Amino acid sequence: MPLTKQEISLLINPLVPESVQHNNRTLSSLHSITSFLLGLTAGILSLQSATGFIFYLLGTVLVSGLFHGLLLYRSGGLGAGVFFAGSNGEIEGIDERGLVKGGKMLRRAAWRDVWFGGGVLSEALSGFVLGWAGVGGVLR
């Protein structure tokens, strides 16, 4: 039976599961700490309702953009696929025969791990609300 595209991509550019888990934990910690600090800042600034959530979204986009820029710098322009698995660890740029097209391989959808991974819309959001309501309640 011939190898699948995912198996071929993992043979060409293997991922170490422990390293990927460490990178995901680091990203989750970064988003959690950042969101809590954004919540504290929103509480100190007395932002209310939609203004506070817009502040959270803008702050999260800024931090994710800076982190993605750091990944681009550290990977030599190859992107987040060097550090994160992306969509099933599959590499784009490989044809059905297992040959690399154009000499460039990119890990599929790894950028999503940076921008939406780490609990941006779940765990980190609850940390933001906790910091925002806590400081806002104390200052009033």
N, C-alpha and C. Protein backbone atom coordinates (compact mmCIF):
# COMPACT_ATOMS: atom_id res chain seq x y z
N MET A 1 0.85 -1.17 0.00
CA MET A 1 0.00 0.00 0.00
C MET A 1 0.90 1.24 0.00
N PRO A 2 0.62 2.23 -0.87
CA PRO A 2 1.46 3.42 -0.93
C PRO A 2 1.24 4.30 0.30
N LEU A 3 2.24 5.10 0.59
CA LEU A 3 2.16 6.02 1.73
C LEU A 3 1.19 7.15 1.42
N THR A 4 0.51 7.64 2.47
CA THR A 4 -0.37 8.79 2.30
C THR A 4 0.47 10.05 2.29
N LYS A 5 -0.18 11.17 1.90
CA LYS A 5 0.54 12.45 1.87
C LYS A 5 1.02 12.85 3.27
N GLN A 6 0.22 12.56 4.29
CA GLN A 6 0.61 12.90 5.66
C GLN A 6 1.82 12.08 6.09
N GLU A 7 1.85 10.80 5.76
CA GLU A 7 3.00 9.96 6.12
C GLU A 7 4.26 10.40 5.39
N ILE A 8 4.13 10.77 4.13
CA ILE A 8 5.28 11.26 3.36
C ILE A 8 5.80 12.56 3.96
N SER A 9 4.88 13.46 4.31
CA SER A 9 5.31 14.75 4.86
C SER A 9 6.00 14.58 6.21
N LEU A 10 5.54 13.63 7.01
CA LEU A 10 6.19 13.39 8.30
C LEU A 10 7.54 12.70 8.14
N LEU A 11 7.72 11.94 7.07
CA LEU A 11 9.03 11.35 6.80
C LEU A 11 10.03 12.40 6.33
N ILE A 12 9.55 13.35 5.53
CA ILE A 12 10.44 14.40 5.01
C ILE A 12 10.79 15.40 6.09
N ASN A 13 9.78 15.83 6.84
CA ASN A 13 9.98 16.87 7.85
C ASN A 13 9.29 16.42 9.13
N PRO A 14 9.96 15.59 9.95
CA PRO A 14 9.30 15.01 11.13
C PRO A 14 9.04 16.03 12.23
N LEU A 15 8.01 15.74 13.00
CA LEU A 15 7.67 16.53 14.17
C LEU A 15 7.93 15.69 15.42
N VAL A 16 8.48 16.31 16.42
CA VAL A 16 8.66 15.63 17.70
C VAL A 16 7.46 16.01 18.57
N PRO A 17 6.63 15.03 18.95
CA PRO A 17 5.41 15.34 19.68
C PRO A 17 5.65 16.13 20.97
N GLU A 18 6.73 15.82 21.68
CA GLU A 18 7.00 16.55 22.92
C GLU A 18 7.29 18.02 22.64
N SER A 19 7.98 18.30 21.55
CA SER A 19 8.28 19.70 21.20
C SER A 19 7.02 20.45 20.80
N VAL A 20 6.14 19.80 20.06
CA VAL A 20 4.89 20.43 19.65
C VAL A 20 4.02 20.70 20.87
N GLN A 21 3.96 19.75 21.81
CA GLN A 21 3.20 19.96 23.04
C GLN A 21 3.77 21.11 23.85
N HIS A 22 5.09 21.19 23.95
CA HIS A 22 5.73 22.29 24.66
C HIS A 22 5.39 23.63 24.00
N ASN A 23 5.45 23.67 22.68
CA ASN A 23 5.13 24.91 21.97
C ASN A 23 3.67 25.31 22.18
N ASN A 24 2.77 24.34 22.19
CA ASN A 24 1.35 24.65 22.44
C ASN A 24 1.12 25.13 23.87
N ARG A 25 1.83 24.53 24.84
CA ARG A 25 1.71 25.00 26.24
C ARG A 25 2.26 26.41 26.38
N THR A 26 3.36 26.69 25.72
CA THR A 26 3.95 28.03 25.79
C THR A 26 3.00 29.06 25.19
N LEU A 27 2.41 28.72 24.05
CA LEU A 27 1.46 29.63 23.41
C LEU A 27 0.23 29.85 24.28
N SER A 28 -0.26 28.79 24.90
CA SER A 28 -1.41 28.91 25.79
C SER A 28 -1.09 29.79 26.99
N SER A 29 0.10 29.64 27.56
CA SER A 29 0.51 30.48 28.69
C SER A 29 0.62 31.94 28.27
N LEU A 30 1.18 32.18 27.10
CA LEU A 30 1.31 33.54 26.58
C LEU A 30 -0.06 34.19 26.43
N HIS A 31 -1.00 33.47 25.83
CA HIS A 31 -2.34 34.04 25.64
C HIS A 31 -3.06 34.23 26.97
N SER A 32 -2.88 33.33 27.92
CA SER A 32 -3.55 33.46 29.22
C SER A 32 -3.04 34.66 30.00
N ILE A 33 -1.73 34.80 30.06
CA ILE A 33 -1.14 35.93 30.80
C ILE A 33 -1.49 37.25 30.13
N THR A 34 -1.40 37.27 28.81
CA THR A 34 -1.72 38.50 28.08
C THR A 34 -3.16 38.90 28.27
N SER A 35 -4.08 37.94 28.20
CA SER A 35 -5.49 38.28 28.35
C SER A 35 -5.80 38.76 29.76
N PHE A 36 -5.17 38.17 30.76
CA PHE A 36 -5.39 38.64 32.13
C PHE A 36 -4.86 40.06 32.30
N LEU A 37 -3.69 40.34 31.74
CA LEU A 37 -3.16 41.70 31.82
C LEU A 37 -4.01 42.70 31.04
N LEU A 38 -4.56 42.26 29.90
CA LEU A 38 -5.49 43.12 29.17
C LEU A 38 -6.75 43.37 29.98
N GLY A 39 -7.21 42.36 30.73
CA GLY A 39 -8.38 42.54 31.59
C GLY A 39 -8.11 43.51 32.72
N LEU A 40 -6.93 43.39 33.32
CA LEU A 40 -6.56 44.36 34.37
C LEU A 40 -6.51 45.78 33.80
N THR A 41 -5.93 45.91 32.63
CA THR A 41 -5.83 47.23 32.00
C THR A 41 -7.21 47.78 31.66
N ALA A 42 -8.08 46.93 31.13
CA ALA A 42 -9.45 47.38 30.81
C ALA A 42 -10.19 47.79 32.07
N GLY A 43 -9.96 47.09 33.18
CA GLY A 43 -10.58 47.47 34.44
C GLY A 43 -10.05 48.79 34.96
N ILE A 44 -8.75 49.01 34.86
CA ILE A 44 -8.15 50.27 35.31
C ILE A 44 -8.65 51.43 34.46
N LEU A 45 -8.79 51.20 33.16
CA LEU A 45 -9.26 52.25 32.26
C LEU A 45 -10.78 52.44 32.32
N SER A 46 -11.47 51.62 33.10
CA SER A 46 -12.93 51.66 33.26
C SER A 46 -13.66 51.49 31.94
N LEU A 47 -13.15 50.59 31.10
CA LEU A 47 -13.83 50.31 29.84
C LEU A 47 -15.06 49.47 30.13
N GLN A 48 -16.13 49.75 29.43
CA GLN A 48 -17.37 49.04 29.68
C GLN A 48 -17.93 48.46 28.39
N SER A 49 -18.63 47.36 28.53
CA SER A 49 -19.39 46.71 27.48
C SER A 49 -18.55 46.41 26.23
N ALA A 50 -19.01 46.85 25.08
CA ALA A 50 -18.36 46.52 23.81
C ALA A 50 -16.95 47.11 23.72
N THR A 51 -16.74 48.24 24.34
CA THR A 51 -15.41 48.86 24.30
C THR A 51 -14.37 47.96 24.94
N GLY A 52 -14.73 47.30 26.03
CA GLY A 52 -13.80 46.39 26.69
C GLY A 52 -13.48 45.18 25.84
N PHE A 53 -14.48 44.62 25.17
CA PHE A 53 -14.23 43.46 24.33
C PHE A 53 -13.46 43.81 23.06
N ILE A 54 -13.71 45.01 22.53
CA ILE A 54 -12.91 45.48 21.39
C ILE A 54 -11.46 45.66 21.81
N PHE A 55 -11.25 46.17 23.02
CA PHE A 55 -9.89 46.30 23.56
C PHE A 55 -9.22 44.94 23.66
N TYR A 56 -9.97 43.92 24.11
CA TYR A 56 -9.43 42.57 24.19
C TYR A 56 -9.06 42.03 22.81
N LEU A 57 -9.95 42.18 21.85
CA LEU A 57 -9.68 41.68 20.51
C LEU A 57 -8.48 42.37 19.88
N LEU A 58 -8.39 43.68 20.02
CA LEU A 58 -7.24 44.41 19.46
C LEU A 58 -5.94 44.01 20.15
N GLY A 59 -5.98 43.84 21.46
CA GLY A 59 -4.78 43.42 22.19
C GLY A 59 -4.35 42.02 21.82
N THR A 60 -5.32 41.12 21.64
CA THR A 60 -5.01 39.74 21.25
C THR A 60 -4.44 39.70 19.85
N VAL A 61 -5.00 40.48 18.93
CA VAL A 61 -4.47 40.53 17.57
C VAL A 61 -3.05 41.07 17.57
N LEU A 62 -2.79 42.09 18.37
CA LEU A 62 -1.44 42.66 18.45
C LEU A 62 -0.43 41.63 18.98
N VAL A 63 -0.78 40.95 20.05
CA VAL A 63 0.13 39.96 20.64
C VAL A 63 0.34 38.78 19.69
N SER A 64 -0.73 38.29 19.07
CA SER A 64 -0.59 37.19 18.12
C SER A 64 0.24 37.60 16.92
N GLY A 65 0.06 38.84 16.46
CA GLY A 65 0.87 39.33 15.34
C GLY A 65 2.34 39.44 15.69
N LEU A 66 2.64 39.93 16.89
CA LEU A 66 4.04 40.01 17.32
C LEU A 66 4.65 38.62 17.47
N PHE A 67 3.88 37.68 18.02
CA PHE A 67 4.37 36.31 18.18
C PHE A 67 4.59 35.65 16.82
N HIS A 68 3.67 35.89 15.88
CA HIS A 68 3.83 35.32 14.55
C HIS A 68 5.04 35.93 13.85
N GLY A 69 5.26 37.23 14.05
CA GLY A 69 6.47 37.87 13.50
C GLY A 69 7.74 37.26 14.08
N LEU A 70 7.73 36.97 15.38
CA LEU A 70 8.88 36.32 16.01
C LEU A 70 9.11 34.94 15.42
N LEU A 71 8.02 34.19 15.18
CA LEU A 71 8.16 32.87 14.57
C LEU A 71 8.71 32.96 13.16
N LEU A 72 8.26 33.95 12.40
CA LEU A 72 8.79 34.14 11.04
C LEU A 72 10.28 34.46 11.08
N TYR A 73 10.66 35.29 12.03
CA TYR A 73 12.08 35.65 12.16
C TYR A 73 12.92 34.44 12.56
N ARG A 74 12.44 33.69 13.56
CA ARG A 74 13.20 32.53 14.05
C ARG A 74 13.27 31.38 13.05
N SER A 75 12.25 31.27 12.18
CA SER A 75 12.23 30.17 11.21
C SER A 75 12.87 30.53 9.89
N GLY A 76 13.37 31.73 9.77
CA GLY A 76 13.98 32.14 8.51
C GLY A 76 12.96 32.36 7.41
N GLY A 77 11.75 32.77 7.76
CA GLY A 77 10.71 33.04 6.79
C GLY A 77 9.84 31.84 6.44
N LEU A 78 10.07 30.70 7.06
CA LEU A 78 9.28 29.50 6.75
C LEU A 78 7.93 29.49 7.44
N GLY A 79 7.76 30.26 8.48
CA GLY A 79 6.47 30.38 9.13
C GLY A 79 6.31 29.52 10.36
N ALA A 80 5.06 29.47 10.82
CA ALA A 80 4.74 28.77 12.06
C ALA A 80 4.80 27.26 11.92
N GLY A 81 4.83 26.76 10.70
CA GLY A 81 4.86 25.32 10.47
C GLY A 81 6.12 24.65 10.96
N VAL A 82 7.15 25.42 11.23
CA VAL A 82 8.39 24.86 11.77
C VAL A 82 8.19 24.45 13.23
N PHE A 83 7.31 25.16 13.93
CA PHE A 83 7.13 24.96 15.37
C PHE A 83 5.79 24.32 15.74
N PHE A 84 4.78 24.42 14.87
CA PHE A 84 3.45 23.91 15.17
C PHE A 84 3.01 22.94 14.08
N ALA A 85 2.17 21.98 14.47
CA ALA A 85 1.79 20.90 13.55
C ALA A 85 0.80 21.35 12.48
N GLY A 86 -0.05 22.29 12.81
CA GLY A 86 -1.05 22.70 11.84
C GLY A 86 -2.13 21.65 11.66
N SER A 87 -2.64 21.53 10.46
CA SER A 87 -3.72 20.60 10.16
C SER A 87 -3.17 19.20 9.91
N ASN A 88 -3.21 18.36 10.92
CA ASN A 88 -2.76 16.96 10.85
C ASN A 88 -1.29 16.81 10.51
N GLY A 89 -0.50 17.84 10.62
CA GLY A 89 0.93 17.73 10.33
C GLY A 89 1.26 17.60 8.87
N GLU A 90 0.29 17.81 7.99
CA GLU A 90 0.50 17.62 6.55
C GLU A 90 1.20 18.83 5.95
N ILE A 91 2.09 18.55 5.01
CA ILE A 91 2.88 19.60 4.36
C ILE A 91 2.31 19.87 2.98
N GLU A 92 2.10 21.16 2.66
CA GLU A 92 1.69 21.55 1.32
C GLU A 92 2.91 21.57 0.42
N GLY A 93 2.70 21.32 -0.84
CA GLY A 93 3.80 21.37 -1.79
C GLY A 93 4.31 20.01 -2.16
N ILE A 94 3.58 18.96 -1.79
CA ILE A 94 3.97 17.59 -2.15
C ILE A 94 2.88 17.03 -3.06
N ASP A 95 3.28 16.48 -4.20
CA ASP A 95 2.28 15.90 -5.09
C ASP A 95 1.96 14.46 -4.68
N GLU A 96 1.13 13.79 -5.46
CA GLU A 96 0.67 12.44 -5.13
C GLU A 96 1.80 11.42 -5.12
N ARG A 97 2.87 11.67 -5.87
CA ARG A 97 3.98 10.73 -5.93
C ARG A 97 4.99 10.97 -4.81
N GLY A 98 4.78 12.01 -4.00
CA GLY A 98 5.69 12.28 -2.90
C GLY A 98 6.84 13.19 -3.26
N LEU A 99 6.75 13.86 -4.41
CA LEU A 99 7.80 14.77 -4.83
C LEU A 99 7.45 16.19 -4.41
N VAL A 100 8.47 16.96 -4.05
CA VAL A 100 8.27 18.33 -3.61
C VAL A 100 8.13 19.22 -4.85
N LYS A 101 7.03 19.98 -4.89
CA LYS A 101 6.78 20.87 -6.01
C LYS A 101 7.38 22.24 -5.72
N GLY A 102 8.17 22.77 -6.63
CA GLY A 102 8.70 24.12 -6.49
C GLY A 102 9.79 24.28 -5.46
N GLY A 103 10.20 23.24 -4.81
CA GLY A 103 11.28 23.31 -3.83
C GLY A 103 10.89 23.95 -2.51
N LYS A 104 9.58 24.23 -2.30
CA LYS A 104 9.16 24.89 -1.07
C LYS A 104 8.05 24.07 -0.42
N MET A 105 8.23 23.77 0.87
CA MET A 105 7.23 23.02 1.62
C MET A 105 6.73 23.90 2.76
N LEU A 106 5.43 23.93 2.93
CA LEU A 106 4.82 24.67 4.02
C LEU A 106 3.86 23.74 4.75
N ARG A 107 3.86 23.81 6.07
CA ARG A 107 2.94 22.97 6.84
C ARG A 107 1.56 23.62 6.79
N ARG A 108 0.57 22.83 6.43
CA ARG A 108 -0.77 23.34 6.19
C ARG A 108 -1.42 23.88 7.46
N ALA A 109 -1.92 25.09 7.39
CA ALA A 109 -2.74 25.73 8.42
C ALA A 109 -2.05 25.86 9.77
N ALA A 110 -0.74 25.93 9.82
CA ALA A 110 -0.05 26.09 11.10
C ALA A 110 -0.26 27.49 11.68
N TRP A 111 -0.54 28.46 10.83
CA TRP A 111 -0.77 29.82 11.30
C TRP A 111 -2.00 29.89 12.21
N ARG A 112 -2.96 28.98 12.00
CA ARG A 112 -4.16 28.98 12.85
C ARG A 112 -3.82 28.65 14.29
N ASP A 113 -2.80 27.82 14.49
CA ASP A 113 -2.38 27.49 15.85
C ASP A 113 -1.90 28.73 16.59
N VAL A 114 -1.24 29.63 15.89
CA VAL A 114 -0.72 30.85 16.51
C VAL A 114 -1.84 31.84 16.78
N TRP A 115 -2.72 32.04 15.83
CA TRP A 115 -3.74 33.09 15.96
C TRP A 115 -4.95 32.65 16.78
N PHE A 116 -5.35 31.39 16.66
CA PHE A 116 -6.56 30.95 17.35
C PHE A 116 -6.30 29.88 18.40
N GLY A 117 -5.09 29.35 18.47
CA GLY A 117 -4.76 28.33 19.45
C GLY A 117 -4.48 28.94 20.82
N GLY A 118 -4.27 28.11 21.78
CA GLY A 118 -3.94 28.60 23.11
C GLY A 118 -5.13 29.14 23.88
N GLY A 119 -6.34 28.81 23.45
CA GLY A 119 -7.52 29.23 24.19
C GLY A 119 -7.89 30.69 24.06
N VAL A 120 -7.61 31.30 22.91
CA VAL A 120 -7.91 32.72 22.72
C VAL A 120 -9.39 33.01 22.93
N LEU A 121 -10.25 32.14 22.47
CA LEU A 121 -11.68 32.38 22.58
C LEU A 121 -12.33 31.57 23.70
N SER A 122 -11.55 30.95 24.56
CA SER A 122 -12.15 30.19 25.66
C SER A 122 -11.44 30.50 26.97
N GLU A 123 -10.33 29.84 27.25
CA GLU A 123 -9.63 30.02 28.52
C GLU A 123 -9.11 31.44 28.71
N ALA A 124 -8.51 31.97 27.66
CA ALA A 124 -7.94 33.31 27.77
C ALA A 124 -9.04 34.36 27.93
N LEU A 125 -10.16 34.17 27.26
CA LEU A 125 -11.27 35.12 27.39
C LEU A 125 -11.81 35.14 28.81
N SER A 126 -11.88 33.99 29.45
CA SER A 126 -12.35 33.97 30.84
C SER A 126 -11.36 34.67 31.77
N GLY A 127 -10.07 34.57 31.49
CA GLY A 127 -9.07 35.30 32.27
C GLY A 127 -9.21 36.80 32.09
N PHE A 128 -9.51 37.21 30.86
CA PHE A 128 -9.74 38.64 30.60
C PHE A 128 -10.93 39.15 31.39
N VAL A 129 -12.04 38.42 31.35
CA VAL A 129 -13.24 38.85 32.05
C VAL A 129 -13.00 38.88 33.56
N LEU A 130 -12.26 37.90 34.08
CA LEU A 130 -11.96 37.86 35.50
C LEU A 130 -11.15 39.09 35.92
N GLY A 131 -10.10 39.40 35.19
CA GLY A 131 -9.28 40.57 35.51
C GLY A 131 -10.04 41.87 35.33
N TRP A 132 -10.85 41.94 34.29
CA TRP A 132 -11.61 43.14 33.98
C TRP A 132 -12.65 43.42 35.06
N ALA A 133 -13.42 42.39 35.43
CA ALA A 133 -14.46 42.58 36.44
C ALA A 133 -13.86 42.78 37.82
N GLY A 134 -12.78 42.05 38.12
CA GLY A 134 -12.16 42.18 39.43
C GLY A 134 -11.61 43.56 39.70
N VAL A 135 -10.84 44.08 38.79
CA VAL A 135 -10.25 45.41 38.98
C VAL A 135 -11.31 46.50 38.85
N GLY A 136 -12.24 46.30 37.90
CA GLY A 136 -13.32 47.28 37.75
C GLY A 136 -14.17 47.37 39.00
N GLY A 137 -14.44 46.23 39.64
CA GLY A 137 -15.23 46.22 40.87
C GLY A 137 -14.50 46.84 42.05
N VAL A 138 -13.19 46.63 42.13
CA VAL A 138 -12.40 47.18 43.24
C VAL A 138 -12.27 48.69 43.11
N LEU A 139 -12.13 49.19 41.91
CA LEU A 139 -11.93 50.63 41.71
C LEU A 139 -13.19 51.44 41.84
N ARG A 140 -14.33 50.79 41.78
CA ARG A 140 -15.59 51.57 41.89
C ARG A 140 -16.05 51.71 43.28
